[in-house]
Protein backbone atom coordinates (compact mmCIF):
# COMPACT_ATOMS: atom_id res chain seq x y z
CA UNK A 1 -44.04 -6.28 -66.60
CA UNK A 2 -47.13 -4.02 -67.32
CA UNK A 3 -50.38 -5.57 -66.14
CA UNK A 4 -52.67 -5.42 -69.12
CA UNK A 5 -55.88 -6.23 -67.19
CA UNK A 6 -58.30 -3.44 -67.34
CA UNK A 7 -61.18 -3.21 -64.83
CA UNK A 8 -64.30 -1.80 -66.31
CA UNK A 9 -66.93 -0.28 -63.93
CA UNK A 10 -70.30 1.09 -64.96
CA UNK A 11 -71.50 3.72 -62.50
CA UNK A 12 -74.82 5.33 -61.87
CA UNK A 13 -75.03 7.80 -59.01
CA UNK A 14 -73.59 5.61 -56.24
CA UNK A 15 -70.39 7.59 -55.67
CA UNK A 16 -69.54 5.96 -52.33
CA UNK A 17 -70.00 2.54 -53.81
CA UNK A 18 -67.81 3.45 -56.76
CA UNK A 19 -65.07 4.76 -54.52
CA UNK A 20 -65.09 1.66 -52.44
CA UNK A 21 -64.96 -0.57 -55.53
CA UNK A 22 -61.98 1.46 -56.80
CA UNK A 23 -60.29 1.23 -53.50
CA UNK A 24 -60.38 -2.54 -53.42
CA UNK A 25 -59.45 -2.89 -57.03
CA UNK A 26 -56.38 -0.82 -56.44
CA UNK A 27 -55.40 -2.84 -53.30
CA UNK A 28 -55.07 -5.95 -55.52
CA UNK A 29 -51.99 -8.08 -54.92
CA UNK A 30 -51.77 -8.12 -58.75
CA UNK A 31 -51.33 -4.36 -59.37
CA UNK A 32 -53.73 -2.40 -61.66
CA UNK A 33 -52.46 0.39 -63.82
CA UNK A 34 -55.62 1.47 -65.62
CA UNK A 35 -59.26 1.55 -64.66
CA UNK A 36 -62.15 2.36 -67.06
CA UNK A 37 -65.26 4.02 -65.65
CA UNK A 38 -68.45 4.57 -67.63
CA UNK A 39 -70.55 7.28 -66.00
CA UNK A 40 -74.23 6.65 -66.92
CA UNK A 41 -75.46 9.50 -64.59
CA UNK A 42 -73.45 12.50 -65.57
CA UNK A 43 -72.86 13.30 -62.04
CA UNK A 44 -69.31 12.04 -61.27
CA UNK A 45 -66.73 14.64 -60.56
CA UNK A 46 -63.34 13.45 -61.79
CA UNK A 47 -61.75 15.05 -58.74
CA UNK A 48 -63.76 12.76 -56.46
CA UNK A 49 -62.16 9.76 -58.29
CA UNK A 50 -58.55 11.10 -58.08
CA UNK A 51 -56.42 8.01 -57.19
CA UNK A 52 -55.33 9.81 -54.11
CA UNK A 53 -58.89 9.72 -52.67
CA UNK A 54 -59.22 5.96 -52.89
CA UNK A 55 -55.55 4.63 -52.62
CA UNK A 56 -51.97 5.34 -51.92
CA UNK A 57 -50.85 3.73 -55.19
CA UNK A 58 -51.08 5.81 -58.42
CA UNK A 59 -53.23 4.51 -61.20
CA UNK A 60 -54.90 6.01 -64.34
CA UNK A 61 -58.59 6.45 -64.45
CA UNK A 62 -60.30 6.59 -67.95
CA UNK A 63 -63.59 8.35 -67.26
CA UNK A 64 -66.16 8.31 -69.99
CA UNK A 65 -69.34 10.32 -69.36
CA UNK A 66 -72.27 9.35 -71.50
CA UNK A 67 -74.63 12.02 -72.72
CA UNK A 68 -77.48 9.48 -72.11
CA UNK A 69 -77.95 6.66 -69.69
CA UNK A 70 -76.80 3.65 -71.65
CA UNK A 71 -77.96 1.18 -69.04
CA UNK A 72 -75.68 -1.51 -67.80
CA UNK A 73 -75.61 -3.30 -71.11
CA UNK A 74 -74.67 -0.24 -73.02
CA UNK A 75 -72.19 0.99 -70.33
CA UNK A 76 -70.32 -2.37 -70.27
CA UNK A 77 -70.46 -2.60 -74.02
CA UNK A 78 -68.71 0.82 -74.19
CA UNK A 79 -66.26 0.03 -71.47
CA UNK A 80 -65.31 -3.34 -73.06
CA UNK A 81 -64.60 -1.61 -76.40
CA UNK A 82 -62.50 1.15 -74.79
CA UNK A 83 -60.48 -1.50 -72.86
CA UNK A 84 -60.05 -3.62 -75.96
CA UNK A 85 -58.90 -0.63 -78.08
CA UNK A 86 -56.37 0.27 -75.27
CA UNK A 87 -54.81 -3.15 -75.79
CA UNK A 88 -56.15 -4.95 -72.67
CA UNK A 89 -55.40 -8.63 -72.60
CA UNK A 90 -57.96 -9.29 -69.87
CA UNK A 91 -61.07 -7.16 -69.14
CA UNK A 92 -62.41 -7.30 -65.59
CA UNK A 93 -65.98 -6.27 -65.24
CA UNK A 94 -67.53 -4.75 -62.01
CA UNK A 95 -70.83 -3.23 -60.89
CA UNK A 96 -70.38 -0.05 -58.90
CA UNK A 97 -71.70 -1.68 -55.71
CA UNK A 98 -69.40 -4.80 -55.75
CA UNK A 99 -65.83 -5.06 -54.46
CA UNK A 100 -63.14 -7.81 -54.65
CA UNK A 101 -60.97 -9.29 -52.09
CA UNK A 102 -57.35 -8.05 -52.38
CA UNK A 103 -56.11 -11.30 -54.09
CA UNK A 104 -59.13 -11.88 -56.28
CA UNK A 105 -57.49 -10.79 -59.48
CA UNK A 106 -54.30 -12.77 -58.77
CA UNK A 107 -56.27 -15.88 -58.21
CA UNK A 108 -58.46 -15.38 -61.33
CA UNK A 109 -55.34 -14.88 -63.46
CA UNK A 110 -53.45 -17.77 -61.99
CA UNK A 111 -56.29 -20.19 -62.39
CA UNK A 112 -55.17 -20.89 -65.90
CA UNK A 113 -58.46 -22.40 -67.13
CA UNK A 114 -60.51 -20.86 -70.07
CA UNK A 115 -60.94 -17.42 -71.45
CA UNK A 116 -64.02 -16.46 -69.17
CA UNK A 117 -63.45 -16.76 -65.48
CA UNK A 118 -66.03 -16.09 -62.73
CA UNK A 119 -65.22 -15.47 -59.04
CA UNK A 120 -67.48 -16.61 -56.17
CA UNK A 121 -69.87 -13.86 -55.15
CA UNK A 122 -70.75 -13.38 -51.52
CA UNK A 123 -73.05 -11.08 -49.67
CA UNK A 124 -70.86 -8.55 -47.68
CA UNK A 125 -73.41 -8.64 -44.71
CA UNK A 126 -73.85 -12.35 -44.25
CA UNK A 127 -70.98 -13.92 -46.04
CA UNK A 128 -73.32 -16.22 -47.81
CA UNK A 129 -72.45 -17.39 -51.32
CA UNK A 130 -74.92 -15.96 -53.88
CA UNK A 131 -75.46 -18.71 -56.29
CA UNK A 132 -77.88 -16.72 -58.44
CA UNK A 133 -74.84 -15.08 -60.07
CA UNK A 134 -73.98 -18.42 -61.53
CA UNK A 135 -76.52 -20.24 -63.79
CA UNK A 136 -77.00 -23.55 -65.57
CA UNK A 137 -79.43 -24.21 -68.32
CA UNK A 138 -82.10 -26.77 -67.47
CA UNK A 139 -83.72 -29.34 -69.82
CA UNK A 140 -86.40 -26.90 -71.06
CA UNK A 141 -84.27 -23.79 -71.00
CA UNK A 142 -84.84 -22.39 -67.50
CA UNK A 143 -81.58 -20.72 -66.30
CA UNK A 144 -81.60 -21.91 -62.66
CA UNK A 145 -78.94 -21.09 -59.90
CA UNK A 146 -75.99 -23.39 -60.23
CA UNK A 147 -74.83 -25.52 -57.34
CA UNK A 148 -72.14 -23.90 -55.17
CA UNK A 149 -69.56 -26.54 -56.10
CA UNK A 150 -69.98 -26.08 -59.88
CA UNK A 151 -66.58 -25.77 -61.69
CA UNK A 152 -68.19 -24.78 -65.02
CA UNK A 153 -71.53 -22.81 -65.43
CA UNK A 154 -73.50 -21.91 -68.48
CA UNK A 155 -73.77 -18.19 -67.54
CA UNK A 156 -72.37 -15.94 -64.89
CA UNK A 157 -73.31 -12.45 -63.73
CA UNK A 158 -71.20 -9.43 -64.57
CA UNK A 159 -69.71 -8.73 -61.01
CA UNK A 160 -66.07 -9.75 -61.19
CA UNK A 161 -66.27 -11.48 -64.52
CA UNK A 162 -62.91 -11.73 -66.18
CA UNK A 163 -62.91 -11.99 -70.04
CA UNK A 164 -59.88 -12.50 -72.29
CA UNK A 165 -59.60 -10.34 -75.39
CA UNK A 166 -59.64 -13.56 -77.52
CA UNK A 167 -63.33 -13.86 -76.66
CA UNK A 168 -64.00 -10.28 -77.73
CA UNK A 169 -62.22 -10.98 -80.96
CA UNK A 170 -64.53 -13.95 -81.60
CA UNK A 171 -67.98 -12.64 -80.43
CA UNK A 172 -67.69 -8.94 -79.78
CA UNK A 173 -68.86 -7.15 -76.67
CA UNK A 174 -72.07 -7.08 -74.69
CA UNK A 175 -75.18 -6.41 -76.70
CA UNK A 176 -76.31 -2.83 -75.78
CA UNK A 177 -79.82 -3.37 -76.95
CA UNK A 178 -80.53 -5.25 -73.68
CA UNK A 179 -80.08 -1.92 -71.80
CA UNK A 180 -80.42 -3.48 -68.38
CA UNK A 181 -80.82 -7.19 -67.45
CA UNK A 182 -79.62 -10.53 -68.89
CA UNK A 183 -76.83 -8.99 -71.12
CA UNK A 184 -74.28 -11.11 -69.20
CA UNK A 185 -76.14 -14.32 -69.67
CA UNK A 186 -76.60 -13.49 -73.30
CA UNK A 187 -72.79 -12.95 -73.61
CA UNK A 188 -71.97 -16.17 -71.86
CA UNK A 189 -74.39 -18.14 -74.06
CA UNK A 190 -73.02 -16.53 -77.20
CA UNK A 191 -69.50 -17.40 -76.07
CA UNK A 192 -70.48 -21.07 -75.51
CA UNK A 193 -71.61 -21.36 -79.12
CA UNK A 194 -67.92 -20.46 -80.00
CA UNK A 195 -66.49 -23.05 -77.61
CA UNK A 196 -65.74 -20.64 -74.68
CA UNK A 197 -66.73 -22.04 -71.28
CA UNK A 198 -67.28 -20.07 -68.09
CA UNK A 199 -64.96 -21.40 -65.36
CA UNK A 200 -65.62 -20.67 -61.70
CA UNK A 201 -62.51 -19.86 -59.68
CA UNK A 202 -63.69 -20.86 -56.20
CA UNK A 203 -60.73 -19.21 -54.30
CA UNK A 204 -61.45 -15.78 -55.93
CA UNK A 205 -64.07 -13.65 -53.98
CA UNK A 206 -66.07 -10.63 -54.90
CA UNK A 207 -68.67 -9.12 -52.55
CA UNK A 208 -71.95 -7.86 -53.81
CA UNK A 209 -75.24 -7.00 -51.95
CA UNK A 210 -77.81 -9.74 -52.09
CA UNK A 211 -80.78 -8.57 -54.07
CA UNK A 212 -82.54 -11.72 -55.27
CA UNK A 213 -81.48 -14.87 -53.62
CA UNK A 214 -83.86 -17.87 -53.80
CA UNK A 215 -83.02 -19.76 -50.72
CA UNK A 216 -85.11 -22.93 -51.20
CA UNK A 217 -82.57 -25.43 -52.49
CA UNK A 218 -85.29 -28.01 -53.41
CA UNK A 219 -87.03 -25.44 -55.70
CA UNK A 220 -83.77 -24.32 -57.17
CA UNK A 221 -82.32 -27.76 -58.07
CA UNK A 222 -85.39 -30.07 -58.39
CA UNK A 223 -88.11 -27.93 -59.99
CA UNK A 224 -86.83 -24.86 -61.81
CA UNK A 225 -84.36 -26.81 -63.94
CA UNK A 226 -87.31 -28.77 -65.55
CA UNK A 227 -89.36 -25.69 -66.50
CA UNK A 228 -89.25 -23.55 -69.64
CA UNK A 229 -88.31 -19.83 -68.97
CA UNK A 230 -91.13 -17.84 -67.51
CA UNK A 231 -91.33 -14.26 -68.85
CA UNK A 232 -92.40 -12.70 -65.54
CA UNK A 233 -94.51 -9.56 -65.04
CA UNK A 234 -94.29 -5.82 -65.06
CA UNK A 235 -95.10 -3.71 -62.01
CA UNK A 236 -96.80 -0.37 -62.59
CA UNK A 237 -94.39 2.38 -63.40
CA UNK A 238 -91.37 0.06 -63.24
CA UNK A 239 -89.38 0.49 -66.43
CA UNK A 240 -86.76 -2.03 -65.35
CA UNK A 241 -89.45 -4.74 -65.28
CA UNK A 242 -90.24 -3.87 -68.93
CA UNK A 243 -86.61 -4.56 -69.92
CA UNK A 244 -86.52 -7.74 -67.79
CA UNK A 245 -89.58 -9.27 -69.61
CA UNK A 246 -88.35 -8.04 -73.06
CA UNK A 247 -84.88 -9.33 -72.41
CA UNK A 248 -85.77 -12.85 -71.10
CA UNK A 249 -87.94 -13.36 -74.16
CA UNK A 250 -84.98 -12.17 -76.41
CA UNK A 251 -82.71 -14.68 -74.52
CA UNK A 252 -85.12 -17.48 -74.99
CA UNK A 253 -85.52 -16.77 -78.71
CA UNK A 254 -81.82 -16.62 -79.30
CA UNK A 255 -80.46 -19.43 -77.11
CA UNK A 256 -83.29 -22.06 -76.40
CA UNK A 257 -84.60 -24.74 -78.70
CA UNK A 258 -87.50 -23.60 -80.87
CA UNK A 259 -90.02 -25.93 -79.11
CA UNK A 260 -89.33 -24.17 -75.84
CA UNK A 261 -90.91 -20.83 -76.85
CA UNK A 262 -94.51 -22.05 -77.14
CA UNK A 263 -94.15 -23.78 -73.65
CA UNK A 264 -92.78 -20.56 -72.16
CA UNK A 265 -95.54 -18.37 -73.61
CA UNK A 266 -98.42 -20.68 -72.44
CA UNK A 267 -96.90 -21.04 -68.95
CA UNK A 268 -96.23 -17.29 -68.64
CA UNK A 269 -99.78 -16.41 -69.72
CA UNK A 270 -101.25 -18.95 -67.32
CA UNK A 271 -99.19 -17.44 -64.57
CA UNK A 272 -100.39 -13.87 -65.02
CA UNK A 273 -103.32 -14.20 -62.53
CA UNK A 274 -100.76 -15.59 -60.02
CA UNK A 275 -98.54 -12.69 -60.62
CA UNK A 276 -101.40 -10.33 -59.79
CA UNK A 277 -102.04 -12.13 -56.49
CA UNK A 278 -98.39 -12.07 -55.66
CA UNK A 279 -98.03 -8.34 -56.34
CA UNK A 280 -101.04 -6.06 -56.60
CA UNK A 281 -98.94 -3.58 -58.56
CA UNK A 282 -98.66 -6.15 -61.47
CA UNK A 283 -99.85 -4.53 -64.69
CA UNK A 284 -101.26 -7.51 -66.53
CA UNK A 285 -102.31 -5.64 -69.55
CA UNK A 286 -98.91 -4.09 -70.08
CA UNK A 287 -97.22 -7.39 -69.35
CA UNK A 288 -99.28 -9.30 -71.94
CA UNK A 289 -98.68 -6.37 -74.47
CA UNK A 290 -94.91 -6.59 -73.83
CA UNK A 291 -94.96 -10.38 -74.31
CA UNK A 292 -96.59 -10.06 -77.84
CA UNK A 293 -94.57 -7.07 -78.83
CA UNK A 294 -91.20 -8.68 -77.83
CA UNK A 295 -92.03 -11.99 -79.47
CA UNK A 296 -92.57 -10.29 -82.71
CA UNK A 297 -89.36 -8.01 -82.47
CA UNK A 298 -86.59 -10.73 -82.94
């Protein structure tokens, strides 16, 4: 029986990370026949990604090189569309710097619950579970890290996320306008409006470097859940920060109650002096300008 699960990897310059991800994908106990790679950097040599360089088992690599950097949102959007058009039943999303345990896909597929399934994400260096990949929506809209024992979450990060084609038929693919940041949360929240829940498969493991853990459990579970979303700040010369601010505002406008937005705006503006104290590179003027521009864009 042909496995119609298509892994989709968005790559940007990290060739060694990509090769490792491919290697572990191809060692799955549930064999993979096709892998889709979106090259956002225009620097990936197809010869480097020959199946012989990462595995002893043959598989087909569909490499799509973008003329321009599409960002993570645009890259996954394109990859999801390609996989869907190829007839994939399940689409398995991966960052180039993550890698799954060898039985991860088998466990995700055998779980049998829901059309969106998320593995547990662990830091490869420490083995700690990274709860920031799983989010629940608090009373005023803040998307706080979900408890480690959560079976269903409001949103999950892209790494290892398994999506059935039925979801794509209903709501489409990632929104490429996000470019980078929060496109996965947006997708999960869009799916929820159509009745699709995000199920956590606790025996399925994917490893991903820890970039942003908040380790204070009291703050995570007792404080953040009662706050409105805070828009954050932009550091000088950091274009990724600009997308983060823009996208969290878009997320708030699309998916939170209308009364949340004024609370978020007030709290975010009042936090600007604190942001400057926390990071001297914070560009308060650009941050405020992005707030106002983004609020008027939707």
